[in-house]
Amino acid sequence: MKINGVLVTALSNQDGYDFESRYFWPWSGTNEDPVTGATHTFMAKYWGNKLNKSKMKSFQCSERSGLMEVELLNEKQMTLESKAQIVLKGELRI
């Protein structure tokens, strides 16, 4: 089995947040992903079930850190909102 990353998550003890996380993936060449939307797609369902909530706020407590709001709309759909910083912009012409 190949490990792609390690996710750690816990109930938040900070006011205004429901859960926190960190995502480590040194095998990809980067030690830690500062804000990982992809992991929130399954953490939202996990914490939603644990906390009996459909709307939650999360804090990814990496060095750069990030905040996200997630909402479970139904069994197969959710929304994820946050702010992003553009670090690379380009144009592809074919």
PDB file of N, CA and C in Angstrom:
ATOM      1  N   MET A   1       0.845  -1.168   0.000  1.00  0.00           N
ATOM      2  CA  MET A   1       0.000   0.000   0.000  1.00  0.00           C
ATOM      3  C   MET A   1       0.899   1.242   0.000  1.00  0.00           C
ATOM      4  N   LYS A   2       0.541   2.216  -0.809  1.00  0.00           N
ATOM      5  CA  LYS A   2       1.291   3.460  -0.896  1.00  0.00           C
ATOM      6  C   LYS A   2       0.556   4.556  -0.119  1.00  0.00           C
ATOM      7  N   ILE A   3       1.275   5.290   0.710  1.00  0.00           N
ATOM      8  CA  ILE A   3       0.684   6.390   1.472  1.00  0.00           C
ATOM      9  C   ILE A   3       0.895   7.675   0.698  1.00  0.00           C
ATOM     10  N   ASN A   4      -0.185   8.407   0.436  1.00  0.00           N
ATOM     11  CA  ASN A   4      -0.096   9.682  -0.271  1.00  0.00           C
ATOM     12  C   ASN A   4      -0.057  10.866   0.677  1.00  0.00           C
ATOM     13  N   GLY A   5      -0.649  10.729   1.834  1.00  0.00           N
ATOM     14  CA  GLY A   5      -0.688  11.823   2.787  1.00  0.00           C
ATOM     15  C   GLY A   5      -1.233  11.359   4.118  1.00  0.00           C
ATOM     16  N   VAL A   6      -1.043  12.184   5.129  1.00  0.00           N
ATOM     17  CA  VAL A   6      -1.542  11.881   6.461  1.00  0.00           C
ATOM     18  C   VAL A   6      -2.383  13.061   6.931  1.00  0.00           C
ATOM     19  N   LEU A   7      -3.626  12.791   7.244  1.00  0.00           N
ATOM     20  CA  LEU A   7      -4.568  13.806   7.705  1.00  0.00           C
ATOM     21  C   LEU A   7      -4.813  13.612   9.197  1.00  0.00           C
ATOM     22  N   VAL A   8      -4.727  14.712   9.943  1.00  0.00           N
ATOM     23  CA  VAL A   8      -5.029  14.698  11.368  1.00  0.00           C
ATOM     24  C   VAL A   8      -6.154  15.701  11.580  1.00  0.00           C
ATOM     25  N   THR A   9      -7.207  15.287  12.275  1.00  0.00           N
ATOM     26  CA  THR A   9      -8.342  16.179  12.521  1.00  0.00           C
ATOM     27  C   THR A   9      -8.841  15.989  13.946  1.00  0.00           C
ATOM     28  N   ALA A  10      -9.401  17.055  14.503  1.00  0.00           N
ATOM     29  CA  ALA A  10      -9.913  17.004  15.872  1.00  0.00           C
ATOM     30  C   ALA A  10     -11.009  18.048  16.030  1.00  0.00           C
ATOM     31  N   LEU A  11     -11.819  17.841  17.029  1.00  0.00           N
ATOM     32  CA  LEU A  11     -12.812  18.820  17.421  1.00  0.00           C
ATOM     33  C   LEU A  11     -12.074  20.098  17.825  1.00  0.00           C
ATOM     34  N   SER A  12     -12.566  21.248  17.425  1.00  0.00           N
ATOM     35  CA  SER A  12     -11.891  22.505  17.744  1.00  0.00           C
ATOM     36  C   SER A  12     -12.252  22.979  19.148  1.00  0.00           C
ATOM     37  N   ASN A  13     -11.264  23.553  19.831  1.00  0.00           N
ATOM     38  CA  ASN A  13     -11.548  24.177  21.123  1.00  0.00           C
ATOM     39  C   ASN A  13     -11.504  25.708  20.995  1.00  0.00           C
ATOM     40  N   GLN A  14     -11.445  26.196  19.745  1.00  0.00           N
ATOM     41  CA  GLN A  14     -11.450  27.633  19.485  1.00  0.00           C
ATOM     42  C   GLN A  14     -12.878  28.112  19.244  1.00  0.00           C
ATOM     43  N   ASP A  15     -13.205  29.262  19.777  1.00  0.00           N
ATOM     44  CA  ASP A  15     -14.532  29.841  19.540  1.00  0.00           C
ATOM     45  C   ASP A  15     -14.735  30.079  18.051  1.00  0.00           C
ATOM     46  N   GLY A  16     -15.896  29.694  17.541  1.00  0.00           N
ATOM     47  CA  GLY A  16     -16.243  29.952  16.156  1.00  0.00           C
ATOM     48  C   GLY A  16     -15.865  28.858  15.183  1.00  0.00           C
ATOM     49  N   TYR A  17     -15.201  27.809  15.639  1.00  0.00           N
ATOM     50  CA  TYR A  17     -14.815  26.706  14.749  1.00  0.00           C
ATOM     51  C   TYR A  17     -15.350  25.390  15.292  1.00  0.00           C
ATOM     52  N   ASP A  18     -15.727  24.523  14.360  1.00  0.00           N
ATOM     53  CA  ASP A  18     -16.242  23.214  14.755  1.00  0.00           C
ATOM     54  C   ASP A  18     -15.143  22.160  14.794  1.00  0.00           C
ATOM     55  N   PHE A  19     -14.248  22.177  13.789  1.00  0.00           N
ATOM     56  CA  PHE A  19     -13.169  21.202  13.763  1.00  0.00           C
ATOM     57  C   PHE A  19     -11.915  21.820  13.156  1.00  0.00           C
ATOM     58  N   GLU A  20     -10.785  21.147  13.403  1.00  0.00           N
ATOM     59  CA  GLU A  20      -9.490  21.600  12.905  1.00  0.00           C
ATOM     60  C   GLU A  20      -8.805  20.436  12.206  1.00  0.00           C
ATOM     61  N   SER A  21      -7.821  20.770  11.384  1.00  0.00           N
ATOM     62  CA  SER A  21      -7.093  19.707  10.692  1.00  0.00           C
ATOM     63  C   SER A  21      -5.713  20.178  10.273  1.00  0.00           C
ATOM     64  N   ARG A  22      -4.892  19.189   9.930  1.00  0.00           N
ATOM     65  CA  ARG A  22      -3.594  19.406   9.276  1.00  0.00           C
ATOM     66  C   ARG A  22      -3.433  18.269   8.286  1.00  0.00           C
ATOM     67  N   TYR A  23      -2.781  18.554   7.164  1.00  0.00           N
ATOM     68  CA  TYR A  23      -2.580  17.528   6.138  1.00  0.00           C
ATOM     69  C   TYR A  23      -1.120  17.530   5.707  1.00  0.00           C
ATOM     70  N   PHE A  24      -0.445  16.428   5.988  1.00  0.00           N
ATOM     71  CA  PHE A  24       0.973  16.266   5.666  1.00  0.00           C
ATOM     72  C   PHE A  24       1.110  15.354   4.451  1.00  0.00           C
ATOM     73  N   TRP A  25       1.967  15.742   3.503  1.00  0.00           N
ATOM     74  CA  TRP A  25       2.190  14.912   2.314  1.00  0.00           C
ATOM     75  C   TRP A  25       3.602  15.087   1.766  1.00  0.00           C
ATOM     76  N   PRO A  26       4.609  14.746   2.584  1.00  0.00           N
ATOM     77  CA  PRO A  26       6.005  14.922   2.166  1.00  0.00           C
ATOM     78  C   PRO A  26       6.398  14.055   0.976  1.00  0.00           C
ATOM     79  N   TRP A  27       5.641  13.008   0.709  1.00  0.00           N
ATOM     80  CA  TRP A  27       5.965  12.130  -0.417  1.00  0.00           C
ATOM     81  C   TRP A  27       5.744  12.819  -1.756  1.00  0.00           C
ATOM     82  N   SER A  28       5.015  13.936  -1.748  1.00  0.00           N
ATOM     83  CA  SER A  28       4.747  14.673  -2.985  1.00  0.00           C
ATOM     84  C   SER A  28       5.777  15.771  -3.231  1.00  0.00           C
ATOM     85  N   GLY A  29       6.666  15.995  -2.285  1.00  0.00           N
ATOM     86  CA  GLY A  29       7.660  17.048  -2.433  1.00  0.00           C
ATOM     87  C   GLY A  29       7.338  18.295  -1.628  1.00  0.00           C
ATOM     88  N   THR A  30       6.178  18.339  -0.988  1.00  0.00           N
ATOM     89  CA  THR A  30       5.788  19.448  -0.124  1.00  0.00           C
ATOM     90  C   THR A  30       5.453  18.863   1.238  1.00  0.00           C
ATOM     91  N   ASN A  31       6.030  19.415   2.285  1.00  0.00           N
ATOM     92  CA  ASN A  31       5.806  18.822   3.608  1.00  0.00           C
ATOM     93  C   ASN A  31       4.364  18.889   4.081  1.00  0.00           C
ATOM     94  N   GLU A  32       3.719  20.040   3.856  1.00  0.00           N
ATOM     95  CA  GLU A  32       2.356  20.196   4.369  1.00  0.00           C
ATOM     96  C   GLU A  32       1.550  21.065   3.431  1.00  0.00           C
ATOM     97  N   ASP A  33       0.301  20.673   3.217  1.00  0.00           N
ATOM     98  CA  ASP A  33      -0.616  21.483   2.428  1.00  0.00           C
ATOM     99  C   ASP A  33      -1.262  22.475   3.389  1.00  0.00           C
ATOM    100  N   PRO A  34      -1.116  23.781   3.158  1.00  0.00           N
ATOM    101  CA  PRO A  34      -1.613  24.752   4.126  1.00  0.00           C
ATOM    102  C   PRO A  34      -3.131  24.798   4.264  1.00  0.00           C
ATOM    103  N   VAL A  35      -3.859  24.627   3.177  1.00  0.00           N
ATOM    104  CA  VAL A  35      -5.323  24.622   3.233  1.00  0.00           C
ATOM    105  C   VAL A  35      -5.810  23.646   2.172  1.00  0.00           C
ATOM    106  N   THR A  36      -6.450  22.575   2.594  1.00  0.00           N
ATOM    107  CA  THR A  36      -6.766  21.470   1.697  1.00  0.00           C
ATOM    108  C   THR A  36      -8.264  21.313   1.500  1.00  0.00           C
ATOM    109  N   GLY A  37      -8.780  21.862   0.415  1.00  0.00           N
ATOM    110  CA  GLY A  37     -10.204  21.725   0.122  1.00  0.00           C
ATOM    111  C   GLY A  37     -10.615  20.290  -0.101  1.00  0.00           C
ATOM    112  N   ALA A  38      -9.749  19.510  -0.737  1.00  0.00           N
ATOM    113  CA  ALA A  38     -10.093  18.115  -1.058  1.00  0.00           C
ATOM    114  C   ALA A  38     -10.373  17.293   0.197  1.00  0.00           C
ATOM    115  N   THR A  39      -9.583  17.461   1.247  1.00  0.00           N
ATOM    116  CA  THR A  39      -9.823  16.674   2.460  1.00  0.00           C
ATOM    117  C   THR A  39     -11.110  17.102   3.164  1.00  0.00           C
ATOM    118  N   HIS A  40     -11.510  18.339   2.953  1.00  0.00           N
ATOM    119  CA  HIS A  40     -12.747  18.817   3.579  1.00  0.00           C
ATOM    120  C   HIS A  40     -13.986  18.182   2.951  1.00  0.00           C
ATOM    121  N   THR A  41     -13.855  17.629   1.762  1.00  0.00           N
ATOM    122  CA  THR A  41     -15.009  16.982   1.142  1.00  0.00           C
ATOM    123  C   THR A  41     -15.457  15.766   1.937  1.00  0.00           C
ATOM    124  N   PHE A  42     -14.529  15.060   2.570  1.00  0.00           N
ATOM    125  CA  PHE A  42     -14.960  13.923   3.401  1.00  0.00           C
ATOM    126  C   PHE A  42     -14.978  14.270   4.891  1.00  0.00           C
ATOM    127  N   MET A  43     -14.180  15.261   5.321  1.00  0.00           N
ATOM    128  CA  MET A  43     -14.259  15.663   6.726  1.00  0.00           C
ATOM    129  C   MET A  43     -15.598  16.319   7.037  1.00  0.00           C
ATOM    130  N   ALA A  44     -16.190  17.009   6.068  1.00  0.00           N
ATOM    131  CA  ALA A  44     -17.492  17.640   6.292  1.00  0.00           C
ATOM    132  C   ALA A  44     -18.538  16.592   6.668  1.00  0.00           C
ATOM    133  N   LYS A  45     -18.541  15.499   5.954  1.00  0.00           N
ATOM    134  CA  LYS A  45     -19.513  14.441   6.261  1.00  0.00           C
ATOM    135  C   LYS A  45     -19.196  13.783   7.607  1.00  0.00           C
ATOM    136  N   TYR A  46     -17.916  13.526   7.848  1.00  0.00           N
ATOM    137  CA  TYR A  46     -17.496  12.911   9.112  1.00  0.00           C
ATOM    138  C   TYR A  46     -17.925  13.781  10.300  1.00  0.00           C
ATOM    139  N   TRP A  47     -17.529  15.057  10.277  1.00  0.00           N
ATOM    140  CA  TRP A  47     -17.854  15.944  11.400  1.00  0.00           C
ATOM    141  C   TRP A  47     -19.335  16.297  11.437  1.00  0.00           C
ATOM    142  N   GLY A  48     -19.974  16.377  10.295  1.00  0.00           N
ATOM    143  CA  GLY A  48     -21.410  16.618  10.273  1.00  0.00           C
ATOM    144  C   GLY A  48     -22.164  15.533  11.021  1.00  0.00           C
ATOM    145  N   ASN A  49     -21.767  14.284  10.802  1.00  0.00           N
ATOM    146  CA  ASN A  49     -22.384  13.155  11.512  1.00  0.00           C
ATOM    147  C   ASN A  49     -22.059  13.192  13.001  1.00  0.00           C
ATOM    148  N   LYS A  50     -20.803  13.480  13.335  1.00  0.00           N
ATOM    149  CA  LYS A  50     -20.383  13.515  14.741  1.00  0.00           C
ATOM    150  C   LYS A  50     -21.078  14.640  15.515  1.00  0.00           C
ATOM    151  N   LEU A  51     -21.201  15.803  14.869  1.00  0.00           N
ATOM    152  CA  LEU A  51     -21.738  16.979  15.553  1.00  0.00           C
ATOM    153  C   LEU A  51     -23.223  17.215  15.287  1.00  0.00           C
ATOM    154  N   ASN A  52     -23.791  16.378  14.417  1.00  0.00           N
ATOM    155  CA  ASN A  52     -25.195  16.527  14.020  1.00  0.00           C
ATOM    156  C   ASN A  52     -25.462  17.934  13.467  1.00  0.00           C
ATOM    157  N   LYS A  53     -24.588  18.343  12.536  1.00  0.00           N
ATOM    158  CA  LYS A  53     -24.690  19.664  11.913  1.00  0.00           C
ATOM    159  C   LYS A  53     -24.551  19.526  10.407  1.00  0.00           C
ATOM    160  N   SER A  54     -25.156  20.442   9.676  1.00  0.00           N
ATOM    161  CA  SER A  54     -24.951  20.472   8.228  1.00  0.00           C
ATOM    162  C   SER A  54     -24.050  21.640   7.819  1.00  0.00           C
ATOM    163  N   LYS A  55     -23.966  22.689   8.654  1.00  0.00           N
ATOM    164  CA  LYS A  55     -23.082  23.830   8.399  1.00  0.00           C
ATOM    165  C   LYS A  55     -22.022  23.885   9.482  1.00  0.00           C
ATOM    166  N   MET A  56     -20.752  23.972   9.046  1.00  0.00           N
ATOM    167  CA  MET A  56     -19.652  23.991  10.005  1.00  0.00           C
ATOM    168  C   MET A  56     -18.545  24.908   9.531  1.00  0.00           C
ATOM    169  N   LYS A  57     -17.727  25.338  10.488  1.00  0.00           N
ATOM    170  CA  LYS A  57     -16.539  26.136  10.188  1.00  0.00           C
ATOM    171  C   LYS A  57     -15.316  25.340  10.620  1.00  0.00           C
ATOM    172  N   SER A  58     -14.318  25.349   9.750  1.00  0.00           N
ATOM    173  CA  SER A  58     -13.101  24.601  10.061  1.00  0.00           C
ATOM    174  C   SER A  58     -11.890  25.511  10.011  1.00  0.00           C
ATOM    175  N   PHE A  59     -10.857  25.095  10.715  1.00  0.00           N
ATOM    176  CA  PHE A  59      -9.593  25.808  10.747  1.00  0.00           C
ATOM    177  C   PHE A  59      -8.494  24.810  10.413  1.00  0.00           C
ATOM    178  N   GLN A  60      -7.745  25.069   9.355  1.00  0.00           N
ATOM    179  CA  GLN A  60      -6.596  24.222   9.042  1.00  0.00           C
ATOM    180  C   GLN A  60      -5.390  24.920   9.644  1.00  0.00           C
ATOM    181  N   CYS A  61      -4.824  24.336  10.681  1.00  0.00           N
ATOM    182  CA  CYS A  61      -3.841  25.013  11.515  1.00  0.00           C
ATOM    183  C   CYS A  61      -2.398  24.733  11.096  1.00  0.00           C
ATOM    184  N   SER A  62      -2.127  24.864   9.825  1.00  0.00           N
ATOM    185  CA  SER A  62      -0.761  24.765   9.320  1.00  0.00           C
ATOM    186  C   SER A  62      -0.051  26.090   9.572  1.00  0.00           C
ATOM    187  N   GLU A  63       1.209  26.177   9.180  1.00  0.00           N
ATOM    188  CA  GLU A  63       1.962  27.413   9.380  1.00  0.00           C
ATOM    189  C   GLU A  63       1.277  28.596   8.687  1.00  0.00           C
ATOM    190  N   ARG A  64       0.796  28.385   7.449  1.00  0.00           N
ATOM    191  CA  ARG A  64       0.114  29.459   6.713  1.00  0.00           C
ATOM    192  C   ARG A  64      -1.359  29.541   7.104  1.00  0.00           C
ATOM    193  N   SER A  65      -1.953  28.484   7.496  1.00  0.00           N
ATOM    194  CA  SER A  65      -3.325  28.317   7.987  1.00  0.00           C
ATOM    195  C   SER A  65      -4.413  28.795   7.028  1.00  0.00           C
ATOM    196  N   GLY A  66      -5.614  28.347   7.295  1.00  0.00           N
ATOM    197  CA  GLY A  66      -6.748  28.728   6.472  1.00  0.00           C
ATOM    198  C   GLY A  66      -8.056  28.377   7.152  1.00  0.00           C
ATOM    199  N   LEU A  67      -9.091  29.076   6.739  1.00  0.00           N
ATOM    200  CA  LEU A  67     -10.429  28.887   7.294  1.00  0.00           C
ATOM    201  C   LEU A  67     -11.363  28.458   6.185  1.00  0.00           C
ATOM    202  N   MET A  68     -12.279  27.586   6.489  1.00  0.00           N
ATOM    203  CA  MET A  68     -13.269  27.154   5.509  1.00  0.00           C
ATOM    204  C   MET A  68     -14.626  27.001   6.164  1.00  0.00           C
ATOM    205  N   GLU A  69     -15.641  27.271   5.381  1.00  0.00           N
ATOM    206  CA  GLU A  69     -17.015  26.994   5.790  1.00  0.00           C
ATOM    207  C   GLU A  69     -17.534  25.900   4.879  1.00  0.00           C
ATOM    208  N   VAL A  70     -18.074  24.852   5.472  1.00  0.00           N
ATOM    209  CA  VAL A  70     -18.614  23.744   4.692  1.00  0.00           C
ATOM    210  C   VAL A  70     -20.089  23.585   5.022  1.00  0.00           C
ATOM    211  N   GLU A  71     -20.856  23.166   4.025  1.00  0.00           N
ATOM    212  CA  GLU A  71     -22.276  22.899   4.244  1.00  0.00           C
ATOM    213  C   GLU A  71     -22.673  21.658   3.470  1.00  0.00           C
ATOM    214  N   LEU A  72     -23.247  20.709   4.175  1.00  0.00           N
ATOM    215  CA  LEU A  72     -23.763  19.496   3.548  1.00  0.00           C
ATOM    216  C   LEU A  72     -25.164  19.804   3.033  1.00  0.00           C
ATOM    217  N   LEU A  73     -25.345  19.742   1.724  1.00  0.00           N
ATOM    218  CA  LEU A  73     -26.642  20.047   1.120  1.00  0.00           C
ATOM    219  C   LEU A  73     -27.545  18.826   1.081  1.00  0.00           C
ATOM    220  N   ASN A  74     -26.966  17.684   0.764  1.00  0.00           N
ATOM    221  CA  ASN A  74     -27.676  16.405   0.770  1.00  0.00           C
ATOM    222  C   ASN A  74     -26.616  15.308   0.816  1.00  0.00           C
ATOM    223  N   GLU A  75     -27.003  14.080   0.574  1.00  0.00           N
ATOM    224  CA  GLU A  75     -26.082  12.941   0.689  1.00  0.00           C
ATOM    225  C   GLU A  75     -24.912  13.006  -0.293  1.00  0.00           C
ATOM    226  N   LYS A  76     -25.082  13.682  -1.433  1.00  0.00           N
ATOM    227  CA  LYS A  76     -24.042  13.700  -2.464  1.00  0.00           C
ATOM    228  C   LYS A  76     -23.499  15.086  -2.792  1.00  0.00           C
ATOM    229  N   GLN A  77     -24.029  16.131  -2.176  1.00  0.00           N
ATOM    230  CA  GLN A  77     -23.597  17.482  -2.517  1.00  0.00           C
ATOM    231  C   GLN A  77     -23.255  18.286  -1.273  1.00  0.00           C
ATOM    232  N   MET A  78     -22.281  19.177  -1.436  1.00  0.00           N
ATOM    233  CA  MET A  78     -21.879  20.073  -0.360  1.00  0.00           C
ATOM    234  C   MET A  78     -21.331  21.351  -0.962  1.00  0.00           C
ATOM    235  N   THR A  79     -21.204  22.372  -0.158  1.00  0.00           N
ATOM    236  CA  THR A  79     -20.517  23.587  -0.576  1.00  0.00           C
ATOM    237  C   THR A  79     -19.305  23.772   0.330  1.00  0.00           C
ATOM    238  N   LEU A  80     -18.306  24.414  -0.203  1.00  0.00           N
ATOM    239  CA  LEU A  80     -17.085  24.709   0.524  1.00  0.00           C
ATOM    240  C   LEU A  80     -16.708  26.145   0.167  1.00  0.00           C
ATOM    241  N   GLU A  81     -16.590  27.005   1.160  1.00  0.00           N
ATOM    242  CA  GLU A  81     -16.262  28.404   0.909  1.00  0.00           C
ATOM    243  C   GLU A  81     -15.029  28.798   1.706  1.00  0.00           C
ATOM    244  N   SER A  82     -14.189  29.611   1.058  1.00  0.00           N
ATOM    245  CA  SER A  82     -12.992  30.116   1.700  1.00  0.00           C
ATOM    246  C   SER A  82     -12.458  31.268   0.872  1.00  0.00           C
ATOM    247  N   LYS A  83     -11.386  31.847   1.310  1.00  0.00           N
ATOM    248  CA  LYS A  83     -10.681  32.861   0.537  1.00  0.00           C
ATOM    249  C   LYS A  83      -9.398  32.237   0.036  1.00  0.00           C
ATOM    250  N   ALA A  84      -8.977  32.665  -1.140  1.00  0.00           N
ATOM    251  CA  ALA A  84      -7.765  32.094  -1.731  1.00  0.00           C
ATOM    252  C   ALA A  84      -6.832  33.207  -2.182  1.00  0.00           C
ATOM    253  N   GLN A  85      -5.581  32.870  -2.253  1.00  0.00           N
ATOM    254  CA  GLN A  85      -4.577  33.780  -2.772  1.00  0.00           C
ATOM    255  C   GLN A  85      -4.044  33.184  -4.066  1.00  0.00           C
ATOM    256  N   ILE A  86      -4.077  33.945  -5.131  1.00  0.00           N
ATOM    257  CA  ILE A  86      -3.554  33.461  -6.406  1.00  0.00           C
ATOM    258  C   ILE A  86      -2.029  33.471  -6.329  1.00  0.00           C
ATOM    259  N   VAL A  87      -1.432  32.307  -6.535  1.00  0.00           N
ATOM    260  CA  VAL A  87       0.029  32.209  -6.503  1.00  0.00           C
ATOM    261  C   VAL A  87       0.600  31.980  -7.896  1.00  0.00           C
ATOM    262  N   LEU A  88      -0.247  31.602  -8.831  1.00  0.00           N
ATOM    263  CA  LEU A  88       0.199  31.379 -10.199  1.00  0.00           C
ATOM    264  C   LEU A  88      -0.981  31.638 -11.120  1.00  0.00           C
ATOM    265  N   LYS A  89      -0.737  32.396 -12.162  1.00  0.00           N
ATOM    266  CA  LYS A  89      -1.781  32.673 -13.127  1.00  0.00           C
ATOM    267  C   LYS A  89      -1.173  32.486 -14.508  1.00  0.00           C
ATOM    268  N   GLY A  90      -1.919  31.868 -15.377  1.00  0.00           N
ATOM    269  CA  GLY A  90      -1.381  31.632 -16.715  1.00  0.00           C
ATOM    270  C   GLY A  90      -2.475  31.559 -17.747  1.00  0.00           C
ATOM    271  N   GLU A  91      -2.041  31.384 -18.976  1.00  0.00           N
ATOM    272  CA  GLU A  91      -2.958  31.281 -20.095  1.00  0.00           C
ATOM    273  C   GLU A  91      -2.438  30.176 -21.014  1.00  0.00           C
ATOM    274  N   LEU A  92      -3.339  29.364 -21.481  1.00  0.00           N
ATOM    275  CA  LEU A  92      -2.992  28.266 -22.378  1.00  0.00           C
ATOM    276  C   LEU A  92      -3.713  28.491 -23.698  1.00  0.00           C
ATOM    277  N   ARG A  93      -2.956  28.521 -24.755  1.00  0.00           N
ATOM    278  CA  ARG A  93      -3.549  28.683 -26.103  1.00  0.00           C
ATOM    279  C   ARG A  93      -3.268  27.444 -26.910  1.00  0.00           C
ATOM    280  N   ILE A  94      -4.310  26.937 -27.506  1.00  0.00           N
ATOM    281  CA  ILE A  94      -4.175  25.729 -28.330  1.00  0.00           C
ATOM    282  C   ILE A  94      -4.527  26.059 -29.755  1.00  0.00           C
TER     283      ILE A  94
END
